[in-house]
C-alpha atoms as a PDB file:
ATOM      1  CA  UNK A   1      -0.009  -0.017  -0.008  1.00  0.00           C
ATOM      2  CA  UNK A   2       1.378   3.427  -0.937  1.00  0.00           C
ATOM      3  CA  UNK A   3       1.982   5.620   2.064  1.00  0.00           C
ATOM      4  CA  UNK A   4       0.445   8.996   1.191  1.00  0.00           C
ATOM      5  CA  UNK A   5       0.614  10.359   4.730  1.00  0.00           C
ATOM      6  CA  UNK A   6      -3.179  10.590   4.885  1.00  0.00           C
ATOM      7  CA  UNK A   7      -5.158   8.485   7.376  1.00  0.00           C
ATOM      8  CA  UNK A   8      -6.357   5.224   5.847  1.00  0.00           C
ATOM      9  CA  UNK A   9      -9.843   4.574   7.258  1.00  0.00           C
ATOM     10  CA  UNK A  10     -11.024   0.961   6.889  1.00  0.00           C
ATOM     11  CA  UNK A  11     -14.667   1.790   6.342  1.00  0.00           C
ATOM     12  CA  UNK A  12     -14.594   4.141   3.369  1.00  0.00           C
ATOM     13  CA  UNK A  13     -17.737   6.133   2.700  1.00  0.00           C
ATOM     14  CA  UNK A  14     -18.887   6.024   6.318  1.00  0.00           C
ATOM     15  CA  UNK A  15     -18.405   8.438   9.180  1.00  0.00           C
ATOM     16  CA  UNK A  16     -15.150   7.494  10.963  1.00  0.00           C
ATOM     17  CA  UNK A  17     -15.646   5.674  14.269  1.00  0.00           C
ATOM     18  CA  UNK A  18     -12.629   7.382  15.853  1.00  0.00           C
ATOM     19  CA  UNK A  19     -12.063  11.113  16.231  1.00  0.00           C
ATOM     20  CA  UNK A  20      -8.701  12.809  15.693  1.00  0.00           C
ATOM     21  CA  UNK A  21      -7.709  15.498  18.204  1.00  0.00           C
ATOM     22  CA  UNK A  22      -4.840  17.981  18.288  1.00  0.00           C
ATOM     23  CA  UNK A  23      -3.506  20.328  20.947  1.00  0.00           C
ATOM     24  CA  UNK A  24      -0.108  22.032  20.966  1.00  0.00           C
ATOM     25  CA  UNK A  25       1.080  19.751  18.166  1.00  0.00           C
ATOM     26  CA  UNK A  26       0.088  16.537  19.958  1.00  0.00           C
ATOM     27  CA  UNK A  27      -2.318  14.345  17.989  1.00  0.00           C
ATOM     28  CA  UNK A  28      -4.402  11.593  19.593  1.00  0.00           C
ATOM     29  CA  UNK A  29      -7.472   9.532  18.864  1.00  0.00           C
ATOM     30  CA  UNK A  30     -10.713   9.198  20.857  1.00  0.00           C
ATOM     31  CA  UNK A  31     -14.049   7.367  20.680  1.00  0.00           C
ATOM     32  CA  UNK A  32     -17.156   9.613  20.599  1.00  0.00           C
ATOM     33  CA  UNK A  33     -19.018   6.734  22.291  1.00  0.00           C
ATOM     34  CA  UNK A  34     -16.733   7.083  25.326  1.00  0.00           C
ATOM     35  CA  UNK A  35     -16.583  10.847  25.207  1.00  0.00           C
ATOM     36  CA  UNK A  36     -20.349  10.870  25.808  1.00  0.00           C
ATOM     37  CA  UNK A  37     -19.881   9.261  29.236  1.00  0.00           C
ATOM     38  CA  UNK A  38     -19.582  11.725  32.139  1.00  0.00           C
ATOM     39  CA  UNK A  39     -16.376  11.536  34.115  1.00  0.00           C
ATOM     40  CA  UNK A  40     -14.358   9.427  31.647  1.00  0.00           C
ATOM     41  CA  UNK A  41     -10.936  10.478  30.292  1.00  0.00           C
ATOM     42  CA  UNK A  42      -9.468   8.417  27.468  1.00  0.00           C
ATOM     43  CA  UNK A  43      -7.303   8.530  24.401  1.00  0.00           C
ATOM     44  CA  UNK A  44      -4.997   6.609  22.101  1.00  0.00           C
ATOM     45  CA  UNK A  45      -1.680   8.196  21.188  1.00  0.00           C
ATOM     46  CA  UNK A  46      -0.236   8.645  17.722  1.00  0.00           C
ATOM     47  CA  UNK A  47       3.399   9.137  16.599  1.00  0.00           C
ATOM     48  CA  UNK A  48       2.821  12.915  16.360  1.00  0.00           C
ATOM     49  CA  UNK A  49       3.763  15.624  18.818  1.00  0.00           C
ATOM     50  CA  UNK A  50       6.709  14.235  20.775  1.00  0.00           C
ATOM     51  CA  UNK A  51      10.479  14.796  20.896  1.00  0.00           C
ATOM     52  CA  UNK A  52      11.923  11.363  20.126  1.00  0.00           C
ATOM     53  CA  UNK A  53      13.965  10.980  16.949  1.00  0.00           C
ATOM     54  CA  UNK A  54      14.769   8.484  14.224  1.00  0.00           C
ATOM     55  CA  UNK A  55      12.603   5.379  14.028  1.00  0.00           C
ATOM     56  CA  UNK A  56      11.203   6.350  17.448  1.00  0.00           C
ATOM     57  CA  UNK A  57       9.931   9.641  16.073  1.00  0.00           C
ATOM     58  CA  UNK A  58       8.300  11.331  17.706  1.00  0.00           C
ATOM     59  CA  UNK A  59       5.758  10.391  20.430  1.00  0.00           C
ATOM     60  CA  UNK A  60       7.426   7.177  21.628  1.00  0.00           C
ATOM     61  CA  UNK A  61       5.907   6.095  24.959  1.00  0.00           C
ATOM     62  CA  UNK A  62       8.219   3.221  25.760  1.00  0.00           C
ATOM     63  CA  UNK A  63      11.148   3.328  28.206  1.00  0.00           C
ATOM     64  CA  UNK A  64      12.415  -0.021  26.878  1.00  0.00           C
ATOM     65  CA  UNK A  65      13.010   0.513  23.144  1.00  0.00           C
ATOM     66  CA  UNK A  66      16.343   2.346  23.334  1.00  0.00           C
ATOM     67  CA  UNK A  67      15.035   5.882  23.630  1.00  0.00           C
ATOM     68  CA  UNK A  68      16.570   8.562  25.838  1.00  0.00           C
ATOM     69  CA  UNK A  69      14.627   8.507  29.148  1.00  0.00           C
ATOM     70  CA  UNK A  70      14.358  12.335  29.131  1.00  0.00           C
ATOM     71  CA  UNK A  71      12.652  12.178  25.717  1.00  0.00           C
ATOM     72  CA  UNK A  72      10.122   9.630  26.889  1.00  0.00           C
ATOM     73  CA  UNK A  73       9.319  11.625  30.010  1.00  0.00           C
ATOM     74  CA  UNK A  74       8.794  14.743  27.938  1.00  0.00           C
ATOM     75  CA  UNK A  75       6.520  12.795  25.652  1.00  0.00           C
ATOM     76  CA  UNK A  76       4.438  11.740  28.632  1.00  0.00           C
ATOM     77  CA  UNK A  77       4.276  15.304  29.870  1.00  0.00           C
ATOM     78  CA  UNK A  78       2.990  16.413  26.497  1.00  0.00           C
ATOM     79  CA  UNK A  79       0.429  13.647  25.952  1.00  0.00           C
ATOM     80  CA  UNK A  80      -0.922  13.998  29.517  1.00  0.00           C
ATOM     81  CA  UNK A  81      -1.280  17.763  29.141  1.00  0.00           C
ATOM     82  CA  UNK A  82      -3.017  17.387  25.786  1.00  0.00           C
ATOM     83  CA  UNK A  83      -5.528  14.734  26.842  1.00  0.00           C
ATOM     84  CA  UNK A  84      -5.975  16.318  30.291  1.00  0.00           C
ATOM     85  CA  UNK A  85      -4.774  14.151  33.144  1.00  0.00           C
ATOM     86  CA  UNK A  86      -1.940  14.314  35.710  1.00  0.00           C
ATOM     87  CA  UNK A  87       0.932  12.107  34.528  1.00  0.00           C
ATOM     88  CA  UNK A  88       1.857  11.153  38.116  1.00  0.00           C
ATOM     89  CA  UNK A  89      -1.527   9.380  38.330  1.00  0.00           C
ATOM     90  CA  UNK A  90      -0.641   6.904  35.537  1.00  0.00           C
ATOM     91  CA  UNK A  91      -0.479   3.151  36.251  1.00  0.00           C
ATOM     92  CA  UNK A  92       1.290   0.963  33.678  1.00  0.00           C
ATOM     93  CA  UNK A  93       0.656  -2.588  32.626  1.00  0.00           C
ATOM     94  CA  UNK A  94       3.492  -5.118  32.340  1.00  0.00           C
ATOM     95  CA  UNK A  95       2.551  -6.884  29.144  1.00  0.00           C
ATOM     96  CA  UNK A  96       3.705 -10.419  28.373  1.00  0.00           C
ATOM     97  CA  UNK A  97       0.675 -11.670  26.381  1.00  0.00           C
ATOM     98  CA  UNK A  98      -1.094 -13.134  29.401  1.00  0.00           C
ATOM     99  CA  UNK A  99      -4.730 -12.849  30.426  1.00  0.00           C
ATOM    100  CA  UNK A 100      -3.841 -11.550  33.888  1.00  0.00           C
ATOM    101  CA  UNK A 101      -5.930  -8.530  34.981  1.00  0.00           C
ATOM    102  CA  UNK A 102      -4.909  -6.389  37.980  1.00  0.00           C
ATOM    103  CA  UNK A 103      -7.304  -4.447  40.194  1.00  0.00           C
ATOM    104  CA  UNK A 104      -5.597  -1.055  40.519  1.00  0.00           C
ATOM    105  CA  UNK A 105      -5.840   0.935  43.758  1.00  0.00           C
ATOM    106  CA  UNK A 106      -4.570   4.270  45.017  1.00  0.00           C
ATOM    107  CA  UNK A 107      -1.407   2.482  46.161  1.00  0.00           C
ATOM    108  CA  UNK A 108      -0.511   1.807  42.530  1.00  0.00           C
ATOM    109  CA  UNK A 109      -0.419   5.451  41.434  1.00  0.00           C
ATOM    110  CA  UNK A 110       2.682   6.295  39.487  1.00  0.00           C
ATOM    111  CA  UNK A 111       3.827   2.677  39.011  1.00  0.00           C
ATOM    112  CA  UNK A 112       5.702   2.408  35.777  1.00  0.00           C
ATOM    113  CA  UNK A 113       6.366   6.121  35.357  1.00  0.00           C
ATOM    114  CA  UNK A 114       7.247   7.507  38.816  1.00  0.00           C
ATOM    115  CA  UNK A 115       8.117   4.271  40.587  1.00  0.00           C
ATOM    116  CA  UNK A 116       9.037   0.750  39.517  1.00  0.00           C
ATOM    117  CA  UNK A 117       6.199  -1.725  39.132  1.00  0.00           C
ATOM    118  CA  UNK A 118       6.052  -4.338  41.890  1.00  0.00           C
ATOM    119  CA  UNK A 119       4.059  -6.715  39.670  1.00  0.00           C
ATOM    120  CA  UNK A 120       4.757  -8.571  36.426  1.00  0.00           C
ATOM    121  CA  UNK A 121       2.813 -10.340  33.702  1.00  0.00           C
ATOM    122  CA  UNK A 122      -0.166  -7.982  33.746  1.00  0.00           C
ATOM    123  CA  UNK A 123      -1.880  -7.338  30.415  1.00  0.00           C
ATOM    124  CA  UNK A 124      -5.117  -5.876  31.854  1.00  0.00           C
ATOM    125  CA  UNK A 125      -5.929  -3.193  34.429  1.00  0.00           C
ATOM    126  CA  UNK A 126      -9.231  -2.232  36.101  1.00  0.00           C
ATOM    127  CA  UNK A 127     -10.059   0.447  38.652  1.00  0.00           C
ATOM    128  CA  UNK A 128     -12.850   2.405  40.264  1.00  0.00           C
ATOM    129  CA  UNK A 129     -10.520   5.010  41.825  1.00  0.00           C
ATOM    130  CA  UNK A 130     -11.027   8.585  40.491  1.00  0.00           C
ATOM    131  CA  UNK A 131      -8.035  10.315  38.877  1.00  0.00           C
ATOM    132  CA  UNK A 132      -6.076   7.118  38.319  1.00  0.00           C
ATOM    133  CA  UNK A 133      -5.336   6.718  34.577  1.00  0.00           C
ATOM    134  CA  UNK A 134      -4.611   3.248  33.282  1.00  0.00           C
ATOM    135  CA  UNK A 135      -2.030   2.857  30.493  1.00  0.00           C
ATOM    136  CA  UNK A 136      -1.369  -0.095  28.143  1.00  0.00           C
ATOM    137  CA  UNK A 137       0.980  -0.225  25.149  1.00  0.00           C
ATOM    138  CA  UNK A 138       0.776  -1.134  21.460  1.00  0.00           C
ATOM    139  CA  UNK A 139       2.358  -1.399  18.061  1.00  0.00           C
ATOM    140  CA  UNK A 140      -0.237  -3.653  16.288  1.00  0.00           C
ATOM    141  CA  UNK A 141      -1.984  -5.557  19.109  1.00  0.00           C
ATOM    142  CA  UNK A 142      -5.544  -4.711  20.124  1.00  0.00           C
ATOM    143  CA  UNK A 143      -6.451  -2.201  22.896  1.00  0.00           C
ATOM    144  CA  UNK A 144      -9.690  -3.008  24.704  1.00  0.00           C
ATOM    145  CA  UNK A 145     -11.468  -0.178  26.552  1.00  0.00           C
ATOM    146  CA  UNK A 146     -14.201  -0.757  29.148  1.00  0.00           C
ATOM    147  CA  UNK A 147     -16.244   1.861  30.993  1.00  0.00           C
ATOM    148  CA  UNK A 148     -19.170   1.293  33.343  1.00  0.00           C
ATOM    149  CA  UNK A 149     -21.024   4.589  33.897  1.00  0.00           C
ATOM    150  CA  UNK A 150     -23.317   2.992  36.551  1.00  0.00           C
ATOM    151  CA  UNK A 151     -20.689   1.560  38.923  1.00  0.00           C
ATOM    152  CA  UNK A 152     -18.103   4.168  37.801  1.00  0.00           C
ATOM    153  CA  UNK A 153     -15.403   1.691  36.931  1.00  0.00           C
ATOM    154  CA  UNK A 154     -13.062   1.296  33.969  1.00  0.00           C
ATOM    155  CA  UNK A 155     -10.834  -1.369  32.454  1.00  0.00           C
ATOM    156  CA  UNK A 156      -8.071  -1.364  29.802  1.00  0.00           C
ATOM    157  CA  UNK A 157      -6.528  -4.540  28.361  1.00  0.00           C
ATOM    158  CA  UNK A 158      -3.929  -5.518  25.790  1.00  0.00           C
ATOM    159  CA  UNK A 159      -5.046  -8.309  23.443  1.00  0.00           C
ATOM    160  CA  UNK A 160      -2.546  -9.733  20.942  1.00  0.00           C
ATOM    161  CA  UNK A 161      -3.382 -12.986  19.277  1.00  0.00           C
ATOM    162  CA  UNK A 162      -2.494 -14.962  22.408  1.00  0.00           C
ATOM    163  CA  UNK A 163      -4.587 -12.668  24.597  1.00  0.00           C
ATOM    164  CA  UNK A 164      -7.427 -12.959  22.113  1.00  0.00           C
ATOM    165  CA  UNK A 165      -7.265 -16.760  22.149  1.00  0.00           C
ATOM    166  CA  UNK A 166      -7.252 -16.570  25.961  1.00  0.00           C
ATOM    167  CA  UNK A 167     -10.176 -14.095  25.767  1.00  0.00           C
ATOM    168  CA  UNK A 168      -8.712 -11.394  27.961  1.00  0.00           C
ATOM    169  CA  UNK A 169     -11.689  -9.211  27.084  1.00  0.00           C
ATOM    170  CA  UNK A 170     -13.998 -11.665  28.837  1.00  0.00           C
ATOM    171  CA  UNK A 171     -11.555 -11.945  31.777  1.00  0.00           C
ATOM    172  CA  UNK A 172     -11.586  -8.157  32.089  1.00  0.00           C
ATOM    173  CA  UNK A 173     -15.385  -8.045  32.201  1.00  0.00           C
ATOM    174  CA  UNK A 174     -15.450 -10.831  34.809  1.00  0.00           C
ATOM    175  CA  UNK A 175     -12.870  -9.005  36.918  1.00  0.00           C
ATOM    176  CA  UNK A 176     -14.986  -5.824  36.802  1.00  0.00           C
ATOM    177  CA  UNK A 177     -18.041  -7.843  37.858  1.00  0.00           C
ATOM    178  CA  UNK A 178     -16.193  -9.456  40.795  1.00  0.00           C
ATOM    179  CA  UNK A 179     -14.333  -6.336  41.976  1.00  0.00           C
ATOM    180  CA  UNK A 180     -16.937  -3.631  41.454  1.00  0.00           C
ATOM    181  CA  UNK A 181     -20.304  -5.328  40.912  1.00  0.00           C
ATOM    182  CA  UNK A 182     -20.481  -4.243  37.286  1.00  0.00           C
ATOM    183  CA  UNK A 183     -23.181  -5.655  35.027  1.00  0.00           C
ATOM    184  CA  UNK A 184     -21.946  -6.460  31.493  1.00  0.00           C
ATOM    185  CA  UNK A 185     -25.074  -4.856  29.958  1.00  0.00           C
ATOM    186  CA  UNK A 186     -24.034  -1.507  31.482  1.00  0.00           C
ATOM    187  CA  UNK A 187     -20.473  -1.599  30.187  1.00  0.00           C
ATOM    188  CA  UNK A 188     -19.461   0.457  27.138  1.00  0.00           C
ATOM    189  CA  UNK A 189     -16.522  -1.048  25.254  1.00  0.00           C
ATOM    190  CA  UNK A 190     -14.236  -0.039  22.426  1.00  0.00           C
ATOM    191  CA  UNK A 191     -11.809  -2.061  20.326  1.00  0.00           C
ATOM    192  CA  UNK A 192      -8.850   0.228  19.624  1.00  0.00           C
ATOM    193  CA  UNK A 193      -6.523   0.961  16.710  1.00  0.00           C
ATOM    194  CA  UNK A 194      -4.587  -2.167  15.774  1.00  0.00           C
ATOM    195  CA  UNK A 195      -3.642  -4.335  12.804  1.00  0.00           C
ATOM    196  CA  UNK A 196      -6.428  -5.082  10.335  1.00  0.00           C
ATOM    197  CA  UNK A 197      -7.186  -8.449   8.761  1.00  0.00           C
ATOM    198  CA  UNK A 198      -5.731  -7.468   5.353  1.00  0.00           C
ATOM    199  CA  UNK A 199      -2.370  -6.734   7.046  1.00  0.00           C
ATOM    200  CA  UNK A 200      -2.270  -9.607   9.553  1.00  0.00           C
ATOM    201  CA  UNK A 201      -0.863 -12.758   7.990  1.00  0.00           C
ATOM    202  CA  UNK A 202      -0.402 -15.687  10.367  1.00  0.00           C
ATOM    203  CA  UNK A 203       0.642 -19.324  10.183  1.00  0.00           C
ATOM    204  CA  UNK A 204      -1.483 -22.433  10.603  1.00  0.00           C
ATOM    205  CA  UNK A 205      -0.560 -22.954  14.263  1.00  0.00           C
ATOM    206  CA  UNK A 206      -2.155 -19.609  15.175  1.00  0.00           C
ATOM    207  CA  UNK A 207      -5.331 -20.543  13.307  1.00  0.00           C
ATOM    208  CA  UNK A 208      -5.401 -23.916  15.089  1.00  0.00           C
ATOM    209  CA  UNK A 209      -5.436 -22.028  18.408  1.00  0.00           C
ATOM    210  CA  UNK A 210      -8.354 -19.907  17.216  1.00  0.00           C
ATOM    211  CA  UNK A 211     -10.257 -22.977  16.063  1.00  0.00           C
ATOM    212  CA  UNK A 212      -9.901 -24.349  19.602  1.00  0.00           C
ATOM    213  CA  UNK A 213     -11.035 -21.085  21.214  1.00  0.00           C
ATOM    214  CA  UNK A 214     -13.994 -20.145  18.950  1.00  0.00           C
ATOM    215  CA  UNK A 215     -17.110 -21.861  17.770  1.00  0.00           C
ATOM    216  CA  UNK A 216     -16.977 -23.155  14.198  1.00  0.00           C
ATOM    217  CA  UNK A 217     -19.806 -20.847  13.116  1.00  0.00           C
ATOM    218  CA  UNK A 218     -17.344 -17.932  13.402  1.00  0.00           C
ATOM    219  CA  UNK A 219     -14.487 -19.370  11.366  1.00  0.00           C
ATOM    220  CA  UNK A 220     -15.473 -17.642   8.092  1.00  0.00           C
ATOM    221  CA  UNK A 221     -15.595 -14.287   9.872  1.00  0.00           C
ATOM    222  CA  UNK A 222     -12.232 -14.742  11.579  1.00  0.00           C
ATOM    223  CA  UNK A 223      -9.852 -15.901   8.860  1.00  0.00           C
ATOM    224  CA  UNK A 224      -9.303 -17.004   5.329  1.00  0.00           C
ATOM    225  CA  UNK A 225      -6.583 -19.180   3.810  1.00  0.00           C
ATOM    226  CA  UNK A 226      -4.307 -17.930   1.008  1.00  0.00           C
ATOM    227  CA  UNK A 227      -2.565 -19.780  -1.827  1.00  0.00           C
ATOM    228  CA  UNK A 228       0.742 -19.587   0.044  1.00  0.00           C
ATOM    229  CA  UNK A 229      -0.758 -21.686   2.882  1.00  0.00           C
ATOM    230  CA  UNK A 230      -0.851 -18.707   5.277  1.00  0.00           C
ATOM    231  CA  UNK A 231      -3.975 -17.071   6.709  1.00  0.00           C
ATOM    232  CA  UNK A 232      -5.353 -13.569   7.180  1.00  0.00           C
ATOM    233  CA  UNK A 233      -6.692 -13.220  10.710  1.00  0.00           C
ATOM    234  CA  UNK A 234      -9.346 -10.734  11.890  1.00  0.00           C
ATOM    235  CA  UNK A 235      -8.496  -9.730  15.484  1.00  0.00           C
ATOM    236  CA  UNK A 236     -11.127  -6.988  15.459  1.00  0.00           C
ATOM    237  CA  UNK A 237     -13.990  -9.379  14.861  1.00  0.00           C
ATOM    238  CA  UNK A 238     -12.551 -11.958  17.242  1.00  0.00           C
ATOM    239  CA  UNK A 239     -12.511  -9.452  20.078  1.00  0.00           C
ATOM    240  CA  UNK A 240     -15.974  -8.200  19.208  1.00  0.00           C
ATOM    241  CA  UNK A 241     -17.265 -11.762  19.493  1.00  0.00           C
ATOM    242  CA  UNK A 242     -15.504 -12.178  22.862  1.00  0.00           C
ATOM    243  CA  UNK A 243     -17.073  -8.962  24.225  1.00  0.00           C
ATOM    244  CA  UNK A 244     -20.523 -10.033  23.104  1.00  0.00           C
ATOM    245  CA  UNK A 245     -20.029 -13.463  24.644  1.00  0.00           C
ATOM    246  CA  UNK A 246     -19.066 -11.709  27.870  1.00  0.00           C
ATOM    247  CA  UNK A 247     -22.483 -10.062  27.924  1.00  0.00           C
ATOM    248  CA  UNK A 248     -21.738  -6.621  26.541  1.00  0.00           C
ATOM    249  CA  UNK A 249     -24.541  -5.416  24.274  1.00  0.00           C
ATOM    250  CA  UNK A 250     -23.575  -5.170  20.601  1.00  0.00           C
ATOM    251  CA  UNK A 251     -24.817  -1.592  20.484  1.00  0.00           C
ATOM    252  CA  UNK A 252     -22.413  -0.744  23.321  1.00  0.00           C
ATOM    253  CA  UNK A 253     -19.320  -1.914  21.398  1.00  0.00           C
ATOM    254  CA  UNK A 254     -17.341   0.456  19.156  1.00  0.00           C
ATOM    255  CA  UNK A 255     -14.958  -1.295  16.732  1.00  0.00           C
ATOM    256  CA  UNK A 256     -11.927   0.538  15.388  1.00  0.00           C
ATOM    257  CA  UNK A 257     -11.722   1.622  11.760  1.00  0.00           C
ATOM    258  CA  UNK A 258      -8.038   2.472  11.687  1.00  0.00           C
ATOM    259  CA  UNK A 259      -5.170   0.022  11.207  1.00  0.00           C
ATOM    260  CA  UNK A 260      -1.717   0.561  12.717  1.00  0.00           C
ATOM    261  CA  UNK A 261       0.024  -1.216   9.821  1.00  0.00           C
ATOM    262  CA  UNK A 262      -1.863   0.796   7.121  1.00  0.00           C
ATOM    263  CA  UNK A 263      -0.876   4.093   8.771  1.00  0.00           C
ATOM    264  CA  UNK A 264       2.896   3.976   9.483  1.00  0.00           C
ATOM    265  CA  UNK A 265       3.322   7.760   9.481  1.00  0.00           C
ATOM    266  CA  UNK A 266       0.585   8.210  12.073  1.00  0.00           C
ATOM    267  CA  UNK A 267       0.967   5.086  14.201  1.00  0.00           C
ATOM    268  CA  UNK A 268       3.761   2.727  15.237  1.00  0.00           C
ATOM    269  CA  UNK A 269       3.452  -0.736  13.678  1.00  0.00           C
ATOM    270  CA  UNK A 270       5.732  -3.671  14.446  1.00  0.00           C
ATOM    271  CA  UNK A 271       4.896  -5.311  11.103  1.00  0.00           C
ATOM    272  CA  UNK A 272       5.187  -2.205   8.961  1.00  0.00           C
ATOM    273  CA  UNK A 273       8.553  -1.220  10.527  1.00  0.00           C
ATOM    274  CA  UNK A 274       9.963  -4.744  10.811  1.00  0.00           C
ATOM    275  CA  UNK A 275      10.401  -4.144  14.548  1.00  0.00           C
ATOM    276  CA  UNK A 276      12.079  -0.721  14.324  1.00  0.00           C
ATOM    277  CA  UNK A 277       9.506   1.322  16.198  1.00  0.00           C
ATOM    278  CA  UNK A 278       8.410   2.971  19.420  1.00  0.00           C
ATOM    279  CA  UNK A 279       5.243   2.278  21.383  1.00  0.00           C
ATOM    280  CA  UNK A 280       1.777   3.790  21.275  1.00  0.00           C
ATOM    281  CA  UNK A 281      -0.316   3.924  24.426  1.00  0.00           C
ATOM    282  CA  UNK A 282      -3.959   3.681  25.352  1.00  0.00           C
ATOM    283  CA  UNK A 283      -5.196   5.737  28.316  1.00  0.00           C
ATOM    284  CA  UNK A 284      -8.367   5.392  30.324  1.00  0.00           C
ATOM    285  CA  UNK A 285      -9.431   6.756  33.677  1.00  0.00           C
ATOM    286  CA  UNK A 286     -12.117   8.337  35.868  1.00  0.00           C
ATOM    287  CA  UNK A 287     -12.193  12.036  36.530  1.00  0.00           C
ATOM    288  CA  UNK A 288     -12.723  13.297  40.038  1.00  0.00           C
ATOM    289  CA  UNK A 289     -16.424  13.828  40.741  1.00  0.00           C
ATOM    290  CA  UNK A 290     -17.422  17.357  41.651  1.00  0.00           C
ATOM    291  CA  UNK A 291     -18.547  17.655  45.275  1.00  0.00           C
END
């Protein structure tokens, strides 16, 4: 695909599902469906508006990809100021493609950015504490956003193909039910910017795992086989099915229409860059209620 520098939307002719935002040169993406909810702050970063250079240019949000720490910290200062949350209230995941979901409390504030994390192998985070902002990280995998306006709780999970097979979206909903008394039918969810089916070629062993995890009636929606023996896998639809099976109403699920791999100037993509890239981040939190 020719890289024209313009955003490639995956549902041409329709109103984009995501909204682009810009402040002081920082560009980020939001879901109107989540913006409608009172007291929710959220966003998904792009490559634009930071100070990192080279293949990390410019809004790299990873401390572990060879960037100068001062650059990464300045990038966090900028993205937090643009979206509108205090950076010291961030809580980071520790992603290793698990289905482990951590209940985040006030004691976790700043872990990953101000202080070292005292936990490992955490791909999902949930909280009901105001002002805490959850952060998870991406360069093709699927961000999953969850917001319950009734119980005032949020969740944010990272779902690569392993997390999708393990149904981390369902695990996140169950954790919100157990920790906060959430009802799935009240939860609003969004499937974030990530690699599209046309860009995501996988081998047969991955498809075998999906066949084990999903009912056969979904196979035609999830993948197709090519002449070279490889498959094209639809992580967006897979995660939508998982969220519906978890009890979230279809009308409460927003599915992304922007692919990381199709938009290498706007978004970091592991596949498009052959691994030479920084990290994007998803952010989700609760604003402090007015007294």
